[in-house]
Amino acid sequence: MDEIRELLEEQHKAFAEFKQANDDRLTAIEKKGFAPADLEEKVTRINEDLTRLGKDLAEVAKKANRPGAGVDGQEPMAQEHKQALGKFLRKGDDRELAGIQRKAMATYSDPDGGYFLTEDMAQTIERTVSAMSALSGMAQTIAGNAAVYKKPVRTTGVSYAWRGEGENPSTTSTPKFSLLAFEAREVDAFPEVTNESLEDLGFNVEAFLMEEVALAFAEAEAEAFLTGNGVSRPRGLLTYDAVANDAYAWGKLGTVLSGGNGAFASSNPSDKLIDLIHALKAQYRASGAFLLNDLTLAAIRKFKDGQGNYLWQPGLQAGVAGVLLGYPVRTDDYMPDVASGSLSIAFGDFKRAYLIYRRRGMRIIRDNITNKGFTSFWVTERFGGGVQNFEAVKLMKFSAS
């Protein structure tokens, strides 16, 4: 896409300007003990431009998955569902939809009030959410019909023993397993439209609903998958017990200290980022990625290695906030700002670390009574989430000790 290419070129140009300005700032500090205010302002401005360009590239990635009119189902049942839902959305006529709903019970669980969105609409919303919410796009996603998804996971490695020819195999210890349960919780979105719009045949009510619902669910998922307390919502990555990495145990997340209290280390801060990477086992590093917010990334852009090379480099694709020490970076507003004891950077193989369980079927209720002149749509999605592999992700704790 021309838009992506232009944004990437602009990002690379801005980063070249940033490097020059920051090098000048560092030289001034080395010679005079401080940098001129105008130079500090220039570095800050270009850094903010790089953050903006990163968000623009992420927005382009979202557009690629943004809902449109939908594709007509190839199966007669899907086409019938789409047409019946359209009548219900515009006019509240649910006579055809009720019959389709009864047939759907053979596939989905009872929606407990309301009607199912078409499968095409539900899948489009989920794709859009995955493009908008960092962890939603990186985690493993499982779909099912049950209220709870249960997964046995091995908490210890498999034992093995060598034996010679003719020897009996020696006894090995039995690997330990834990049964994880991911309960699908309900989250609701409440898009509203004027009755006049519904009467306008040129108004694409399906596309409107998909975009509004996707925006709401993306916000809900981004927050829940990082900070959710597990009560009536998923359990967030940052809510598990965090311990020093050398005291790591299953059920807890290992941390690496930043070297400064509420800050990066005052000297060689890049060393701690390298420590964070190598705290992860090699089998997970191959698919590793960083997760942090824009303010933390802005600070890291100024870091260099021992040879004077910048640790962060612009990315080559939309949706990725550049590359740090050779690994892709994803940003999320729900990752905390750097503060005393904060867990502001995560590094890991998030597909193996975090699991999202989506219960099939999004349901919708129509209300044209409560708010005169408007029709509200109550759309419900059911999903859960939590850590499934505590070895596959590490956190940086901003503390000196």
Protein backbone atom coordinates (compact mmCIF):
# COMPACT_ATOMS: atom_id res chain seq x y z
CA MET A 1 0.00 0.00 0.00
CA ASP A 2 1.25 3.48 -0.90
CA GLU A 3 0.11 4.85 2.45
CA ILE A 4 2.17 2.30 4.38
CA ARG A 5 5.25 2.89 2.23
CA GLU A 6 5.00 6.66 2.67
CA LEU A 7 4.60 6.37 6.44
CA LEU A 8 7.54 3.97 6.72
CA GLU A 9 9.72 6.31 4.65
CA GLU A 10 8.66 9.25 6.82
CA GLN A 11 9.44 7.23 9.96
CA HIS A 12 12.92 6.32 8.72
CA LYS A 13 13.59 9.97 7.82
CA ALA A 14 12.39 11.17 11.22
CA PHE A 15 14.56 8.60 12.98
CA ALA A 16 17.64 9.80 11.07
CA GLU A 17 16.87 13.35 12.26
CA PHE A 18 16.29 12.05 15.78
CA LYS A 19 19.65 10.29 15.88
CA GLN A 20 21.48 13.42 14.72
CA ALA A 21 19.68 15.67 17.20
CA ASN A 22 20.17 13.26 20.09
CA ASP A 23 23.85 12.80 19.22
CA ASP A 24 24.24 16.60 19.30
CA ARG A 25 22.47 16.64 22.67
CA LEU A 26 24.79 13.99 24.10
CA THR A 27 27.86 15.81 22.77
CA ALA A 28 26.73 19.05 24.40
CA ILE A 29 26.16 17.27 27.72
CA GLU A 30 29.62 15.70 27.50
CA LYS A 31 31.31 19.05 26.79
CA LYS A 32 29.25 21.50 28.85
CA GLY A 33 27.45 19.29 31.34
CA PHE A 34 24.08 20.25 29.87
CA ALA A 35 22.29 20.55 26.53
CA PRO A 36 20.76 23.83 25.25
CA ALA A 37 17.01 24.06 25.82
CA ASP A 38 16.26 24.36 22.12
CA LEU A 39 18.17 21.13 21.43
CA GLU A 40 16.32 19.29 24.20
CA GLU A 41 13.05 20.56 22.73
CA LYS A 42 14.08 19.39 19.26
CA VAL A 43 14.85 15.87 20.48
CA THR A 44 11.54 15.73 22.35
CA ARG A 45 9.60 17.00 19.32
CA ILE A 46 11.12 14.46 16.93
CA ASN A 47 10.59 11.70 19.49
CA GLU A 48 6.92 12.68 19.68
CA ASP A 49 6.77 12.64 15.87
CA LEU A 50 8.13 9.09 15.88
CA THR A 51 5.46 8.08 18.39
CA ARG A 52 2.78 9.67 16.20
CA LEU A 53 4.09 7.91 13.09
CA GLY A 54 4.06 4.62 14.97
CA LYS A 55 0.41 5.18 15.85
CA ASP A 56 -0.38 6.15 12.25
CA LEU A 57 1.15 2.89 11.04
CA ALA A 58 -0.87 0.98 13.62
CA GLU A 59 -4.01 2.74 12.39
CA VAL A 60 -3.26 1.64 8.82
CA ALA A 61 -3.03 -1.94 10.07
CA LYS A 62 -6.40 -1.51 11.75
CA LYS A 63 -7.96 -0.18 8.55
CA ALA A 64 -6.94 -3.35 6.75
CA ASN A 65 -9.17 -5.27 9.15
CA ARG A 66 -11.85 -2.62 9.59
CA PRO A 67 -15.38 -3.90 9.02
CA GLY A 68 -17.05 -3.31 5.70
CA ALA A 69 -20.37 -4.47 4.38
CA GLY A 70 -19.45 -8.10 4.94
CA VAL A 71 -19.29 -10.92 2.45
CA ASP A 72 -22.41 -12.81 1.57
CA GLY A 73 -22.30 -16.31 2.97
CA GLN A 74 -21.70 -19.04 0.46
CA GLU A 75 -24.09 -21.37 2.26
CA PRO A 76 -27.84 -20.73 1.89
CA MET A 77 -28.23 -20.75 5.67
CA ALA A 78 -25.63 -17.99 6.07
CA GLN A 79 -27.28 -15.85 3.40
CA GLU A 80 -30.69 -16.40 4.99
CA HIS A 81 -29.30 -15.40 8.39
CA LYS A 82 -27.77 -12.22 6.96
CA GLN A 83 -31.02 -11.11 5.31
CA ALA A 84 -33.13 -11.91 8.37
CA LEU A 85 -30.74 -10.06 10.67
CA GLY A 86 -30.87 -7.04 8.37
CA LYS A 87 -34.67 -6.87 8.76
CA PHE A 88 -34.33 -7.15 12.51
CA LEU A 89 -31.71 -4.42 12.77
CA ARG A 90 -33.61 -1.92 10.63
CA LYS A 91 -37.23 -2.62 11.51
CA GLY A 92 -37.24 -4.90 14.54
CA ASP A 93 -38.88 -7.64 12.47
CA ASP A 94 -37.62 -10.87 14.03
CA ARG A 95 -40.07 -13.38 12.59
CA GLU A 96 -37.55 -14.95 10.20
CA LEU A 97 -34.68 -14.55 12.66
CA ALA A 98 -36.50 -16.51 15.37
CA GLY A 99 -36.69 -19.59 13.15
CA ILE A 100 -33.03 -19.32 12.24
CA GLN A 101 -32.21 -18.95 15.93
CA ARG A 102 -33.84 -22.28 16.72
CA LYS A 103 -31.75 -23.99 14.04
CA ALA A 104 -28.62 -22.35 15.41
CA MET A 105 -29.12 -24.02 18.77
CA ALA A 106 -27.72 -27.18 17.20
CA THR A 107 -24.41 -25.36 16.76
CA TYR A 108 -24.21 -22.73 19.47
CA SER A 109 -25.29 -22.60 23.08
CA ASP A 110 -28.48 -20.78 24.07
CA PRO A 111 -27.83 -17.03 23.74
CA ASP A 112 -29.96 -16.37 26.84
CA GLY A 113 -31.96 -13.55 25.26
CA GLY A 114 -31.39 -11.77 21.96
CA TYR A 115 -30.25 -13.13 18.62
CA PHE A 116 -26.91 -14.18 17.20
CA LEU A 117 -24.98 -11.93 14.85
CA THR A 118 -24.03 -13.63 11.61
CA GLU A 119 -20.82 -15.62 11.78
CA ASP A 120 -19.29 -13.29 9.18
CA MET A 121 -20.03 -10.23 11.33
CA ALA A 122 -18.68 -11.88 14.49
CA GLN A 123 -15.46 -12.98 12.77
CA THR A 124 -14.93 -9.54 11.26
CA ILE A 125 -15.31 -7.93 14.68
CA GLU A 126 -12.81 -10.39 16.18
CA ARG A 127 -10.26 -9.73 13.40
CA THR A 128 -10.58 -6.00 13.94
CA VAL A 129 -10.18 -6.35 17.70
CA SER A 130 -7.03 -8.43 17.21
CA ALA A 131 -5.53 -5.68 15.05
CA MET A 132 -6.38 -2.98 17.60
CA SER A 133 -5.46 -4.70 20.88
CA ALA A 134 -1.79 -5.70 21.13
CA LEU A 135 -2.15 -8.77 23.34
CA SER A 136 -5.30 -9.91 21.51
CA GLY A 137 -3.26 -10.06 18.33
CA MET A 138 -0.28 -11.88 19.87
CA ALA A 139 -1.88 -14.41 22.22
CA GLN A 140 -3.16 -17.88 21.37
CA THR A 141 -6.91 -17.83 20.69
CA ILE A 142 -9.19 -20.84 21.19
CA ALA A 143 -12.88 -20.88 20.22
CA GLY A 144 -15.49 -23.20 21.70
CA ASN A 145 -19.09 -23.60 22.81
CA ALA A 146 -18.58 -24.44 26.49
CA ALA A 147 -18.78 -21.90 29.29
CA VAL A 148 -15.30 -22.91 30.48
CA TYR A 149 -12.27 -24.07 28.50
CA LYS A 150 -10.02 -26.43 30.47
CA LYS A 151 -6.45 -27.10 29.45
CA PRO A 152 -3.97 -29.46 31.12
CA VAL A 153 -0.45 -28.04 31.04
CA ARG A 154 2.84 -29.58 32.07
CA THR A 155 4.52 -27.65 34.89
CA THR A 156 7.77 -29.66 34.78
CA GLY A 157 9.94 -30.94 31.99
CA VAL A 158 9.71 -34.52 30.73
CA SER A 159 12.26 -36.81 32.39
CA TYR A 160 14.59 -39.04 30.37
CA ALA A 161 17.40 -41.56 30.96
CA TRP A 162 20.09 -43.21 28.84
CA ARG A 163 20.48 -46.98 28.70
CA GLY A 164 22.82 -49.39 27.01
CA GLU A 165 21.98 -52.31 24.73
CA GLY A 166 20.17 -55.06 26.63
CA GLU A 167 19.65 -52.92 29.72
CA ASN A 168 16.25 -52.27 31.23
CA PRO A 169 15.08 -48.67 31.14
CA SER A 170 15.60 -46.90 34.45
CA THR A 171 12.67 -45.34 36.25
CA THR A 172 12.10 -41.68 35.49
CA SER A 173 10.05 -39.23 37.46
CA THR A 174 6.51 -38.52 36.31
CA PRO A 175 5.97 -35.05 34.85
CA LYS A 176 3.59 -32.83 36.82
CA PHE A 177 0.49 -31.33 35.27
CA SER A 178 -1.83 -28.50 36.20
CA LEU A 179 -5.39 -28.07 34.91
CA LEU A 180 -6.03 -24.47 33.90
CA ALA A 181 -9.60 -23.20 33.50
CA PHE A 182 -10.52 -20.21 31.34
CA GLU A 183 -14.09 -19.08 31.94
CA ALA A 184 -15.85 -17.06 29.25
CA ARG A 185 -17.04 -13.79 30.79
CA GLU A 186 -19.56 -11.43 29.24
CA VAL A 187 -18.79 -7.93 27.98
CA ASP A 188 -21.39 -5.66 26.40
CA ALA A 189 -21.26 -2.84 23.87
CA PHE A 190 -24.12 -0.37 23.39
CA PRO A 191 -23.96 1.36 19.98
CA GLU A 192 -26.85 3.71 19.26
CA VAL A 193 -28.21 5.10 15.99
CA THR A 194 -31.01 7.50 15.07
CA ASN A 195 -34.22 6.01 13.72
CA GLU A 196 -33.85 8.27 10.67
CA SER A 197 -30.56 6.57 9.82
CA LEU A 198 -32.19 3.14 9.98
CA GLU A 199 -34.84 4.32 7.52
CA ASP A 200 -32.13 5.48 5.11
CA LEU A 201 -31.37 2.59 2.74
CA GLY A 202 -27.96 4.13 2.02
CA PHE A 203 -26.93 3.72 5.65
CA ASN A 204 -24.98 0.49 6.17
CA VAL A 205 -26.21 -0.52 9.60
CA GLU A 206 -24.18 -3.75 9.65
CA ALA A 207 -20.89 -1.94 8.97
CA PHE A 208 -21.77 0.73 11.55
CA LEU A 209 -22.46 -1.90 14.20
CA MET A 210 -19.31 -3.89 13.46
CA GLU A 211 -17.05 -0.85 13.71
CA GLU A 212 -18.63 0.54 16.88
CA VAL A 213 -18.68 -2.84 18.58
CA ALA A 214 -15.10 -3.61 17.54
CA LEU A 215 -13.89 -0.33 19.04
CA ALA A 216 -15.67 -1.05 22.33
CA PHE A 217 -14.51 -4.66 22.57
CA ALA A 218 -10.92 -3.77 21.63
CA GLU A 219 -10.78 -1.30 24.52
CA ALA A 220 -12.30 -3.85 26.91
CA GLU A 221 -9.92 -6.60 25.83
CA ALA A 222 -6.80 -4.42 25.94
CA GLU A 223 -7.56 -3.48 29.54
CA ALA A 224 -8.69 -6.93 30.70
CA PHE A 225 -5.83 -8.93 29.19
CA LEU A 226 -3.28 -6.77 31.01
CA THR A 227 -4.96 -5.61 34.22
CA GLY A 228 -8.16 -7.68 34.63
CA ASN A 229 -8.59 -9.13 38.12
CA GLY A 230 -10.19 -12.40 36.99
CA VAL A 231 -13.49 -11.58 38.71
CA SER A 232 -16.26 -11.32 36.09
CA ARG A 233 -13.52 -10.64 33.53
CA PRO A 234 -10.32 -12.27 32.24
CA ARG A 235 -7.19 -12.30 34.39
CA GLY A 236 -4.61 -9.87 33.12
CA LEU A 237 -0.96 -10.63 32.49
CA LEU A 238 0.21 -8.04 35.03
CA THR A 239 -1.97 -9.31 37.90
CA TYR A 240 -0.08 -12.55 38.55
CA ASP A 241 2.48 -12.75 41.34
CA ALA A 242 5.81 -11.39 40.11
CA VAL A 243 9.07 -12.60 41.68
CA ALA A 244 12.77 -12.21 41.00
CA ASN A 245 13.62 -14.41 38.04
CA ASP A 246 16.04 -16.55 40.04
CA ALA A 247 13.12 -17.34 42.41
CA TYR A 248 10.76 -18.19 39.55
CA ALA A 249 8.20 -20.94 40.15
CA TRP A 250 5.21 -22.13 38.14
CA GLY A 251 2.25 -19.83 38.74
CA LYS A 252 4.46 -16.75 39.09
CA LEU A 253 6.13 -14.48 36.55
CA GLY A 254 9.87 -13.85 36.66
CA THR A 255 11.17 -10.28 36.78
CA VAL A 256 14.44 -8.55 35.93
CA LEU A 257 15.33 -5.28 37.70
CA SER A 258 15.81 -2.12 35.64
CA GLY A 259 18.69 -0.97 37.83
CA GLY A 260 17.02 2.26 38.93
CA ASN A 261 14.23 3.03 41.38
CA GLY A 262 11.34 4.02 39.12
CA ALA A 263 13.80 4.54 36.28
CA PHE A 264 16.24 2.85 33.96
CA ALA A 265 19.78 2.39 35.22
CA SER A 266 21.76 5.65 35.09
CA SER A 267 24.58 3.96 33.18
CA ASN A 268 24.37 1.30 30.49
CA PRO A 269 20.57 0.89 30.71
CA SER A 270 20.69 -1.31 27.62
CA ASP A 271 22.41 -4.03 29.66
CA LYS A 272 19.21 -4.57 31.63
CA LEU A 273 17.16 -4.95 28.46
CA ILE A 274 19.62 -7.60 27.30
CA ASP A 275 19.28 -9.29 30.70
CA LEU A 276 15.50 -9.28 30.23
CA ILE A 277 15.82 -10.96 26.85
CA HIS A 278 18.13 -13.67 28.12
CA ALA A 279 16.05 -14.32 31.23
CA LEU A 280 13.75 -16.07 28.76
CA LYS A 281 14.66 -19.59 27.67
CA ALA A 282 16.02 -19.89 24.14
CA GLN A 283 13.00 -21.87 22.95
CA TYR A 284 10.81 -18.81 23.64
CA ARG A 285 13.26 -16.11 22.53
CA ALA A 286 12.96 -17.21 18.91
CA SER A 287 9.42 -15.78 18.82
CA GLY A 288 10.01 -13.06 21.40
CA ALA A 289 8.54 -9.55 21.31
CA PHE A 290 8.49 -6.51 23.59
CA LEU A 291 5.27 -5.06 25.00
CA LEU A 292 5.30 -1.57 26.56
CA ASN A 293 3.59 1.80 26.28
CA ASP A 294 4.54 4.77 24.10
CA LEU A 295 6.15 6.81 26.89
CA THR A 296 8.46 3.95 27.83
CA LEU A 297 9.34 3.41 24.18
CA ALA A 298 10.11 7.12 23.76
CA ALA A 299 12.69 6.85 26.55
CA ILE A 300 14.26 3.73 25.05
CA ARG A 301 14.71 5.38 21.64
CA LYS A 302 17.56 7.41 23.14
CA PHE A 303 19.53 4.33 24.25
CA LYS A 304 22.71 3.20 22.49
CA ASP A 305 24.91 0.15 22.76
CA GLY A 306 28.63 0.19 23.51
CA GLN A 307 29.44 0.86 19.85
CA GLY A 308 27.17 3.89 19.65
CA ASN A 309 24.38 2.16 17.75
CA TYR A 310 20.80 2.96 18.67
CA LEU A 311 18.98 0.01 20.20
CA TRP A 312 15.62 0.88 18.60
CA GLN A 313 15.17 0.93 14.84
CA PRO A 314 12.11 1.72 12.72
CA GLY A 315 10.08 -1.28 11.66
CA LEU A 316 9.43 -2.53 8.16
CA GLN A 317 5.75 -3.31 8.55
CA ALA A 318 2.59 -1.63 9.78
CA GLY A 319 1.27 -2.64 13.18
CA VAL A 320 4.74 -3.10 14.73
CA ALA A 321 6.26 -0.20 16.70
CA GLY A 322 9.78 -0.79 15.41
CA VAL A 323 12.46 -3.25 16.43
CA LEU A 324 14.37 -3.26 19.73
CA LEU A 325 17.57 -5.28 19.99
CA GLY A 326 16.38 -7.31 17.01
CA TYR A 327 12.91 -8.09 18.41
CA PRO A 328 9.56 -6.58 17.35
CA VAL A 329 7.90 -4.03 19.62
CA ARG A 330 4.17 -3.70 20.31
CA THR A 331 2.72 -0.82 22.29
CA ASP A 332 -0.35 -0.79 24.50
CA ASP A 333 -1.73 2.11 26.54
CA TYR A 334 -2.60 -0.25 29.39
CA MET A 335 1.04 -1.11 30.04
CA PRO A 336 1.98 1.08 33.03
CA ASP A 337 4.19 4.15 32.90
CA VAL A 338 7.62 3.81 34.47
CA ALA A 339 7.30 4.34 38.23
CA SER A 340 8.76 2.90 41.41
CA GLY A 341 8.27 -0.86 41.30
CA SER A 342 6.22 -0.76 38.08
CA LEU A 343 6.17 -3.70 35.65
CA SER A 344 6.38 -1.53 32.55
CA ILE A 345 8.03 -3.84 30.01
CA ALA A 346 7.13 -7.41 29.10
CA PHE A 347 9.21 -9.61 26.84
CA GLY A 348 8.17 -13.05 25.71
CA ASP A 349 6.56 -15.43 23.29
CA PHE A 350 3.05 -14.19 23.94
CA LYS A 351 1.37 -16.84 21.82
CA ARG A 352 2.70 -19.48 24.17
CA ALA A 353 2.40 -17.35 27.30
CA TYR A 354 -1.21 -16.11 27.17
CA LEU A 355 -4.43 -17.83 26.10
CA ILE A 356 -7.70 -16.20 25.05
CA TYR A 357 -10.84 -18.32 25.03
CA ARG A 358 -13.74 -17.05 22.91
CA ARG A 359 -17.14 -18.63 23.31
CA ARG A 360 -18.78 -18.84 19.91
CA GLY A 361 -21.71 -16.62 19.07
CA MET A 362 -22.18 -12.88 19.66
CA ARG A 363 -25.72 -11.96 20.53
CA ILE A 364 -27.66 -8.74 19.98
CA ILE A 365 -30.74 -7.18 21.58
CA ARG A 366 -32.58 -4.26 19.92
CA ASP A 367 -34.16 -1.44 21.94
CA ASN A 368 -36.07 1.38 20.25
CA ILE A 369 -38.17 2.26 23.30
CA THR A 370 -35.85 3.56 26.02
CA ASN A 371 -34.42 6.58 24.15
CA LYS A 372 -37.05 8.24 21.95
CA GLY A 373 -35.88 8.80 18.38
CA PHE A 374 -32.98 6.39 18.74
CA THR A 375 -32.45 2.65 18.51
CA SER A 376 -29.89 1.06 20.80
CA PHE A 377 -28.21 -2.29 20.15
CA TRP A 378 -26.95 -4.34 23.07
CA VAL A 379 -24.19 -6.59 21.72
CA THR A 380 -22.63 -9.24 23.97
CA GLU A 381 -19.38 -11.13 23.51
CA ARG A 382 -18.15 -13.91 25.80
CA PHE A 383 -14.45 -14.48 26.33
CA GLY A 384 -11.87 -15.28 28.96
CA GLY A 385 -8.12 -15.21 29.23
CA GLY A 386 -5.08 -15.84 31.38
CA VAL A 387 -1.48 -16.99 31.45
CA GLN A 388 -1.04 -20.55 30.21
CA ASN A 389 2.76 -20.78 30.29
CA PHE A 390 4.57 -18.87 33.03
CA GLU A 391 7.98 -19.63 31.51
CA ALA A 392 7.20 -17.89 28.22
CA VAL A 393 7.19 -14.26 29.40
CA LYS A 394 9.37 -12.10 31.66
CA LEU A 395 8.75 -8.63 33.10
CA MET A 396 11.04 -5.70 33.84
CA LYS A 397 10.53 -4.29 37.32
CA PHE A 398 11.61 -0.69 37.70
CA SER A 399 13.57 -0.97 40.88
CA ALA A 400 17.22 -0.83 41.88
CA SER A 401 16.96 -3.79 44.24
